[in-house]
N, C-alpha and C. Protein backbone atom coordinates (compact mmCIF):
# COMPACT_ATOMS: atom_id res chain seq x y z
N MET A 1 -14.23 14.32 -37.50
CA MET A 1 -13.80 12.96 -37.21
C MET A 1 -13.01 12.89 -35.91
N LYS A 2 -12.07 13.82 -35.73
CA LYS A 2 -11.27 13.84 -34.49
C LYS A 2 -12.17 14.04 -33.28
N LYS A 3 -13.19 14.88 -33.46
CA LYS A 3 -14.10 15.17 -32.36
C LYS A 3 -14.86 13.90 -31.95
N ILE A 4 -15.27 13.11 -32.92
CA ILE A 4 -16.01 11.87 -32.64
C ILE A 4 -15.11 10.87 -31.91
N VAL A 5 -13.89 10.74 -32.36
CA VAL A 5 -12.94 9.81 -31.71
C VAL A 5 -12.69 10.26 -30.28
N PHE A 6 -12.50 11.56 -30.08
CA PHE A 6 -12.26 12.09 -28.74
C PHE A 6 -13.46 11.83 -27.83
N ILE A 7 -14.65 12.09 -28.30
CA ILE A 7 -15.86 11.87 -27.51
C ILE A 7 -16.03 10.39 -27.18
N LEU A 8 -15.79 9.54 -28.15
CA LEU A 8 -15.90 8.10 -27.92
C LEU A 8 -14.88 7.64 -26.89
N PHE A 9 -13.64 8.07 -27.04
CA PHE A 9 -12.58 7.70 -26.10
C PHE A 9 -12.93 8.18 -24.70
N PHE A 10 -13.33 9.44 -24.58
CA PHE A 10 -13.66 10.02 -23.29
C PHE A 10 -14.84 9.30 -22.65
N SER A 11 -15.84 8.95 -23.43
CA SER A 11 -17.02 8.27 -22.89
C SER A 11 -16.69 6.86 -22.41
N LEU A 12 -15.69 6.25 -22.99
CA LEU A 12 -15.27 4.92 -22.55
C LEU A 12 -14.42 4.99 -21.28
N MET A 13 -13.69 6.07 -21.09
CA MET A 13 -12.80 6.21 -19.95
C MET A 13 -13.56 6.55 -18.66
N ILE A 14 -14.61 7.33 -18.73
CA ILE A 14 -15.33 7.73 -17.53
C ILE A 14 -15.91 6.53 -16.79
N PRO A 15 -16.62 5.62 -17.46
CA PRO A 15 -17.15 4.48 -16.71
C PRO A 15 -16.04 3.62 -16.10
N THR A 16 -14.91 3.51 -16.76
CA THR A 16 -13.81 2.71 -16.22
C THR A 16 -13.27 3.34 -14.95
N ALA A 17 -13.02 4.63 -14.96
CA ALA A 17 -12.52 5.32 -13.77
C ALA A 17 -13.55 5.25 -12.65
N PHE A 18 -14.81 5.42 -13.00
CA PHE A 18 -15.88 5.37 -12.00
C PHE A 18 -15.99 3.97 -11.40
N ALA A 19 -15.88 2.95 -12.23
CA ALA A 19 -15.95 1.56 -11.75
C ALA A 19 -14.81 1.27 -10.80
N SER A 20 -13.61 1.70 -11.16
CA SER A 20 -12.45 1.49 -10.30
C SER A 20 -12.67 2.12 -8.94
N SER A 21 -13.15 3.36 -8.94
CA SER A 21 -13.40 4.08 -7.70
C SER A 21 -14.46 3.37 -6.87
N ASN A 22 -15.52 2.91 -7.52
CA ASN A 22 -16.58 2.20 -6.80
C ASN A 22 -16.06 0.91 -6.18
N TYR A 23 -15.27 0.15 -6.94
CA TYR A 23 -14.72 -1.10 -6.40
C TYR A 23 -13.81 -0.82 -5.22
N PHE A 24 -12.99 0.22 -5.33
CA PHE A 24 -12.12 0.55 -4.20
C PHE A 24 -12.94 0.94 -2.98
N GLU A 25 -13.92 1.79 -3.17
CA GLU A 25 -14.76 2.22 -2.04
C GLU A 25 -15.48 1.04 -1.40
N ASP A 26 -15.97 0.11 -2.23
CA ASP A 26 -16.60 -1.11 -1.70
C ASP A 26 -15.58 -1.92 -0.90
N GLY A 27 -14.37 -2.06 -1.46
CA GLY A 27 -13.32 -2.81 -0.78
C GLY A 27 -12.97 -2.20 0.56
N LYS A 28 -12.89 -0.89 0.60
CA LYS A 28 -12.59 -0.18 1.84
C LYS A 28 -13.72 -0.38 2.86
N LYS A 29 -14.96 -0.30 2.37
CA LYS A 29 -16.12 -0.48 3.25
C LYS A 29 -16.12 -1.89 3.85
N PHE A 30 -15.89 -2.90 3.01
CA PHE A 30 -15.84 -4.28 3.51
C PHE A 30 -14.67 -4.47 4.47
N PHE A 31 -13.55 -3.82 4.19
CA PHE A 31 -12.40 -3.90 5.09
C PHE A 31 -12.77 -3.36 6.47
N ASP A 32 -13.41 -2.20 6.49
CA ASP A 32 -13.82 -1.59 7.77
C ASP A 32 -14.80 -2.48 8.53
N LEU A 33 -15.58 -3.26 7.79
CA LEU A 33 -16.54 -4.19 8.41
C LEU A 33 -15.91 -5.54 8.74
N LYS A 34 -14.58 -5.66 8.46
CA LYS A 34 -13.83 -6.91 8.69
C LYS A 34 -14.33 -8.07 7.84
N LYS A 35 -14.91 -7.73 6.68
CA LYS A 35 -15.32 -8.75 5.71
C LYS A 35 -14.22 -8.84 4.67
N TYR A 36 -13.14 -9.52 5.06
CA TYR A 36 -11.91 -9.47 4.28
C TYR A 36 -12.00 -10.16 2.93
N GLU A 37 -12.73 -11.24 2.82
CA GLU A 37 -12.85 -11.91 1.51
C GLU A 37 -13.58 -11.03 0.51
N LYS A 38 -14.66 -10.41 0.95
CA LYS A 38 -15.40 -9.50 0.07
C LYS A 38 -14.54 -8.28 -0.27
N SER A 39 -13.80 -7.82 0.71
CA SER A 39 -12.92 -6.68 0.50
C SER A 39 -11.86 -7.02 -0.55
N LYS A 40 -11.24 -8.19 -0.42
CA LYS A 40 -10.23 -8.60 -1.39
C LYS A 40 -10.80 -8.63 -2.80
N LEU A 41 -11.97 -9.20 -2.95
CA LEU A 41 -12.60 -9.30 -4.27
C LEU A 41 -12.79 -7.90 -4.88
N SER A 42 -13.33 -6.97 -4.10
CA SER A 42 -13.54 -5.61 -4.60
C SER A 42 -12.22 -4.92 -4.92
N LEU A 43 -11.23 -5.13 -4.08
CA LEU A 43 -9.93 -4.50 -4.32
C LEU A 43 -9.26 -5.07 -5.56
N TYR A 44 -9.37 -6.38 -5.76
CA TYR A 44 -8.82 -6.99 -6.99
C TYR A 44 -9.52 -6.40 -8.23
N GLN A 45 -10.83 -6.21 -8.12
CA GLN A 45 -11.57 -5.64 -9.25
C GLN A 45 -11.13 -4.20 -9.50
N SER A 46 -10.88 -3.46 -8.43
CA SER A 46 -10.39 -2.10 -8.58
C SER A 46 -9.06 -2.09 -9.33
N ILE A 47 -8.19 -3.03 -8.99
CA ILE A 47 -6.88 -3.12 -9.64
C ILE A 47 -7.00 -3.50 -11.10
N ILE A 48 -7.98 -4.33 -11.41
CA ILE A 48 -8.20 -4.71 -12.82
C ILE A 48 -8.52 -3.46 -13.64
N PHE A 49 -9.37 -2.59 -13.11
CA PHE A 49 -9.74 -1.37 -13.83
C PHE A 49 -8.67 -0.29 -13.75
N ASN A 50 -7.89 -0.31 -12.66
CA ASN A 50 -6.83 0.69 -12.49
C ASN A 50 -5.62 0.02 -11.85
N PRO A 51 -4.72 -0.55 -12.65
CA PRO A 51 -3.57 -1.29 -12.11
C PRO A 51 -2.62 -0.43 -11.27
N GLU A 52 -2.78 0.87 -11.29
CA GLU A 52 -1.91 1.74 -10.51
C GLU A 52 -2.62 2.30 -9.27
N ASP A 53 -3.66 1.61 -8.81
CA ASP A 53 -4.42 2.04 -7.64
C ASP A 53 -3.64 1.67 -6.37
N VAL A 54 -2.77 2.56 -5.94
CA VAL A 54 -1.89 2.32 -4.80
C VAL A 54 -2.70 1.96 -3.55
N ASP A 55 -3.80 2.68 -3.34
CA ASP A 55 -4.61 2.43 -2.14
C ASP A 55 -5.17 1.02 -2.12
N ALA A 56 -5.53 0.48 -3.26
CA ALA A 56 -6.04 -0.89 -3.31
C ALA A 56 -4.95 -1.87 -2.89
N TYR A 57 -3.73 -1.65 -3.36
CA TYR A 57 -2.61 -2.51 -2.96
C TYR A 57 -2.34 -2.40 -1.46
N ILE A 58 -2.45 -1.19 -0.92
CA ILE A 58 -2.22 -0.99 0.52
C ILE A 58 -3.25 -1.76 1.33
N TYR A 59 -4.51 -1.66 0.92
CA TYR A 59 -5.55 -2.38 1.66
C TYR A 59 -5.40 -3.89 1.53
N LEU A 60 -4.99 -4.37 0.36
CA LEU A 60 -4.73 -5.80 0.22
C LEU A 60 -3.60 -6.22 1.15
N ALA A 61 -2.55 -5.40 1.23
CA ALA A 61 -1.44 -5.71 2.13
C ALA A 61 -1.94 -5.77 3.58
N LYS A 62 -2.79 -4.84 3.96
CA LYS A 62 -3.32 -4.83 5.32
C LYS A 62 -4.12 -6.10 5.61
N ILE A 63 -4.90 -6.53 4.64
CA ILE A 63 -5.68 -7.76 4.82
C ILE A 63 -4.76 -8.95 5.00
N PHE A 64 -3.76 -9.06 4.14
CA PHE A 64 -2.85 -10.20 4.25
C PHE A 64 -2.02 -10.13 5.53
N ASN A 65 -1.73 -8.94 6.01
CA ASN A 65 -1.04 -8.81 7.29
C ASN A 65 -1.96 -9.33 8.41
N TYR A 66 -3.22 -8.94 8.36
CA TYR A 66 -4.19 -9.41 9.36
C TYR A 66 -4.32 -10.93 9.30
N GLU A 67 -4.30 -11.49 8.09
CA GLU A 67 -4.42 -12.94 7.92
C GLU A 67 -3.09 -13.66 8.17
N GLU A 68 -2.05 -12.89 8.50
CA GLU A 68 -0.71 -13.43 8.77
C GLU A 68 -0.13 -14.18 7.58
N ASN A 69 -0.44 -13.70 6.38
CA ASN A 69 0.12 -14.24 5.15
C ASN A 69 1.27 -13.31 4.74
N ASP A 70 2.44 -13.56 5.31
CA ASP A 70 3.57 -12.65 5.14
C ASP A 70 4.02 -12.52 3.69
N GLN A 71 3.93 -13.60 2.94
CA GLN A 71 4.38 -13.56 1.54
C GLN A 71 3.51 -12.60 0.72
N GLU A 72 2.21 -12.72 0.84
CA GLU A 72 1.30 -11.83 0.11
C GLU A 72 1.36 -10.41 0.66
N TYR A 73 1.52 -10.29 1.97
CA TYR A 73 1.66 -8.97 2.60
C TYR A 73 2.84 -8.23 1.99
N GLU A 74 3.98 -8.89 1.94
CA GLU A 74 5.18 -8.27 1.39
C GLU A 74 5.02 -7.98 -0.11
N LYS A 75 4.39 -8.88 -0.83
CA LYS A 75 4.18 -8.68 -2.27
C LYS A 75 3.40 -7.41 -2.55
N TYR A 76 2.29 -7.21 -1.86
CA TYR A 76 1.46 -6.04 -2.11
C TYR A 76 2.09 -4.76 -1.57
N LEU A 77 2.85 -4.86 -0.49
CA LEU A 77 3.59 -3.69 -0.02
C LEU A 77 4.63 -3.27 -1.05
N ASN A 78 5.33 -4.23 -1.61
CA ASN A 78 6.35 -3.93 -2.61
C ASN A 78 5.74 -3.27 -3.85
N ILE A 79 4.59 -3.77 -4.27
CA ILE A 79 3.93 -3.17 -5.44
C ILE A 79 3.54 -1.73 -5.12
N ALA A 80 2.95 -1.51 -3.94
CA ALA A 80 2.53 -0.16 -3.56
C ALA A 80 3.73 0.77 -3.48
N LEU A 81 4.85 0.28 -2.95
CA LEU A 81 6.03 1.12 -2.84
C LEU A 81 6.64 1.41 -4.21
N ASP A 82 6.58 0.43 -5.11
CA ASP A 82 7.06 0.66 -6.48
C ASP A 82 6.22 1.73 -7.18
N LEU A 83 4.91 1.69 -6.96
CA LEU A 83 4.02 2.66 -7.60
C LEU A 83 4.13 4.05 -6.99
N ASP A 84 4.38 4.10 -5.68
CA ASP A 84 4.45 5.39 -4.99
C ASP A 84 5.54 5.35 -3.93
N PRO A 85 6.80 5.53 -4.34
CA PRO A 85 7.94 5.41 -3.42
C PRO A 85 7.92 6.38 -2.24
N GLY A 86 7.14 7.44 -2.34
CA GLY A 86 7.08 8.42 -1.27
C GLY A 86 5.87 8.29 -0.37
N ASN A 87 5.14 7.19 -0.49
CA ASN A 87 3.93 7.00 0.31
C ASN A 87 4.33 6.68 1.75
N GLU A 88 4.02 7.59 2.66
CA GLU A 88 4.43 7.43 4.06
C GLU A 88 3.86 6.17 4.71
N GLU A 89 2.60 5.91 4.46
CA GLU A 89 1.96 4.75 5.08
C GLU A 89 2.65 3.46 4.65
N VAL A 90 2.96 3.36 3.37
CA VAL A 90 3.64 2.17 2.86
C VAL A 90 5.05 2.08 3.43
N LEU A 91 5.73 3.21 3.51
CA LEU A 91 7.09 3.19 4.09
C LEU A 91 7.06 2.70 5.53
N VAL A 92 6.12 3.18 6.32
CA VAL A 92 6.01 2.74 7.72
C VAL A 92 5.73 1.24 7.77
N MET A 93 4.82 0.76 6.94
CA MET A 93 4.50 -0.67 6.91
C MET A 93 5.72 -1.48 6.47
N GLN A 94 6.45 -0.98 5.48
CA GLN A 94 7.66 -1.66 5.00
C GLN A 94 8.72 -1.72 6.09
N ILE A 95 8.93 -0.60 6.79
CA ILE A 95 9.92 -0.58 7.86
C ILE A 95 9.55 -1.59 8.93
N ASP A 96 8.28 -1.60 9.31
CA ASP A 96 7.81 -2.56 10.31
C ASP A 96 8.08 -3.99 9.86
N LEU A 97 7.80 -4.28 8.59
CA LEU A 97 8.06 -5.62 8.06
C LEU A 97 9.54 -5.94 8.10
N ARG A 98 10.39 -5.01 7.68
CA ARG A 98 11.84 -5.25 7.66
C ARG A 98 12.38 -5.45 9.07
N ILE A 99 11.82 -4.75 10.05
CA ILE A 99 12.23 -4.97 11.44
C ILE A 99 11.85 -6.38 11.87
N LYS A 100 10.65 -6.81 11.54
CA LYS A 100 10.21 -8.17 11.89
C LYS A 100 11.11 -9.22 11.23
N GLN A 101 11.63 -8.88 10.03
CA GLN A 101 12.51 -9.79 9.31
C GLN A 101 13.97 -9.64 9.76
N SER A 102 14.20 -8.78 10.74
CA SER A 102 15.55 -8.50 11.26
C SER A 102 16.49 -7.96 10.19
N ASP A 103 15.95 -7.21 9.25
CA ASP A 103 16.75 -6.62 8.19
C ASP A 103 17.11 -5.18 8.59
N ILE A 104 18.21 -5.05 9.32
CA ILE A 104 18.60 -3.76 9.86
C ILE A 104 18.94 -2.77 8.76
N ASN A 105 19.73 -3.20 7.77
CA ASN A 105 20.15 -2.29 6.70
C ASN A 105 18.96 -1.73 5.92
N GLN A 106 18.05 -2.61 5.51
CA GLN A 106 16.87 -2.16 4.75
C GLN A 106 15.98 -1.27 5.61
N SER A 107 15.85 -1.61 6.89
CA SER A 107 15.06 -0.78 7.81
C SER A 107 15.62 0.63 7.87
N ASN A 108 16.94 0.73 8.02
CA ASN A 108 17.58 2.05 8.10
C ASN A 108 17.42 2.83 6.80
N GLU A 109 17.55 2.16 5.66
CA GLU A 109 17.37 2.83 4.37
C GLU A 109 15.96 3.39 4.23
N LEU A 110 14.99 2.59 4.64
CA LEU A 110 13.59 3.03 4.55
C LEU A 110 13.30 4.17 5.53
N ILE A 111 13.92 4.12 6.70
CA ILE A 111 13.75 5.20 7.68
C ILE A 111 14.30 6.51 7.09
N GLU A 112 15.42 6.43 6.40
CA GLU A 112 15.98 7.63 5.77
C GLU A 112 15.02 8.18 4.71
N LYS A 113 14.40 7.30 3.93
CA LYS A 113 13.41 7.75 2.93
C LYS A 113 12.21 8.40 3.62
N LEU A 114 11.77 7.79 4.73
CA LEU A 114 10.62 8.33 5.46
C LEU A 114 10.94 9.72 6.01
N LYS A 115 12.16 9.92 6.49
CA LYS A 115 12.56 11.24 7.00
C LYS A 115 12.38 12.32 5.93
N ILE A 116 12.68 11.98 4.70
CA ILE A 116 12.61 12.95 3.61
C ILE A 116 11.17 13.33 3.28
N VAL A 117 10.28 12.35 3.27
CA VAL A 117 8.90 12.61 2.82
C VAL A 117 7.91 12.80 3.95
N CYS A 118 8.34 12.59 5.17
CA CYS A 118 7.42 12.53 6.30
C CYS A 118 6.65 13.82 6.51
N GLN A 119 5.34 13.66 6.62
CA GLN A 119 4.43 14.75 6.97
C GLN A 119 3.42 14.29 8.01
N LYS A 120 2.80 13.13 7.76
CA LYS A 120 1.78 12.61 8.68
C LYS A 120 2.36 11.66 9.73
N HIS A 121 3.39 10.89 9.36
CA HIS A 121 3.88 9.81 10.22
C HIS A 121 5.22 10.14 10.89
N CYS A 122 5.55 11.40 11.01
CA CYS A 122 6.83 11.81 11.60
C CYS A 122 6.96 11.34 13.05
N SER A 123 5.84 11.30 13.73
CA SER A 123 5.87 10.90 15.14
C SER A 123 6.30 9.44 15.32
N LYS A 124 6.20 8.65 14.27
CA LYS A 124 6.57 7.24 14.36
C LYS A 124 8.06 7.01 14.13
N LEU A 125 8.76 8.03 13.65
CA LEU A 125 10.17 7.87 13.31
C LEU A 125 11.01 7.43 14.51
N GLU A 126 10.85 8.08 15.64
CA GLU A 126 11.67 7.76 16.81
C GLU A 126 11.44 6.34 17.27
N ASN A 127 10.17 5.92 17.27
CA ASN A 127 9.85 4.55 17.67
C ASN A 127 10.49 3.54 16.71
N LEU A 128 10.41 3.82 15.43
CA LEU A 128 10.99 2.91 14.44
C LEU A 128 12.51 2.85 14.59
N LYS A 129 13.14 4.01 14.77
CA LYS A 129 14.60 4.04 14.97
C LYS A 129 14.99 3.25 16.22
N SER A 130 14.20 3.41 17.27
CA SER A 130 14.46 2.70 18.53
C SER A 130 14.36 1.19 18.34
N ARG A 131 13.35 0.76 17.61
CA ARG A 131 13.18 -0.67 17.36
C ARG A 131 14.34 -1.24 16.55
N VAL A 132 14.82 -0.47 15.56
CA VAL A 132 15.97 -0.91 14.78
C VAL A 132 17.21 -0.95 15.67
N GLY A 133 17.35 0.05 16.54
CA GLY A 133 18.48 0.06 17.49
C GLY A 133 18.44 -1.15 18.42
N ASP A 134 17.25 -1.48 18.90
CA ASP A 134 17.11 -2.67 19.75
C ASP A 134 17.48 -3.93 18.98
N LEU A 135 17.11 -3.97 17.74
CA LEU A 135 17.42 -5.11 16.88
C LEU A 135 18.94 -5.22 16.69
N SER A 136 19.60 -4.09 16.53
CA SER A 136 21.05 -4.08 16.38
C SER A 136 21.73 -4.62 17.64
N LEU A 137 21.20 -4.23 18.80
CA LEU A 137 21.77 -4.72 20.06
C LEU A 137 21.58 -6.23 20.21
N GLU A 138 20.41 -6.73 19.77
CA GLU A 138 20.15 -8.16 19.86
C GLU A 138 21.11 -8.97 19.00
N LYS A 139 21.47 -8.41 17.85
CA LYS A 139 22.36 -9.12 16.92
C LYS A 139 23.80 -9.16 17.43
N ASN A 140 24.15 -8.19 18.29
CA ASN A 140 25.53 -8.15 18.82
C ASN A 140 25.64 -8.92 20.05
């Protein structure tokens, strides 16, 4: 009996994981083709099958940033950061957003987090620090 339940459960999970992956890959493909509405639809479907799909949230944030929808951009960045606080790409995007919002304190906090986890985006640290420094000078 346990074996049957396990096999049934496992057989139901594989198509769900596969569907999520397919929807994300479609969303990414449409994003690369600049077909943002189709990309959003696929990414939303990916999230339905896998609500913790950080990459889908990141791509949605990128689309909303491109569309200059700051509210949705920030919403999806926040979700991605909540799901994966050490994601370098999300941290860089968050820092950039906080700089645009003139939030010096939050920018500095995020820069400190990025310093700890940085592997791919370390080269961006100096530029981000400089931008925050410039922002500090503007406020004074």
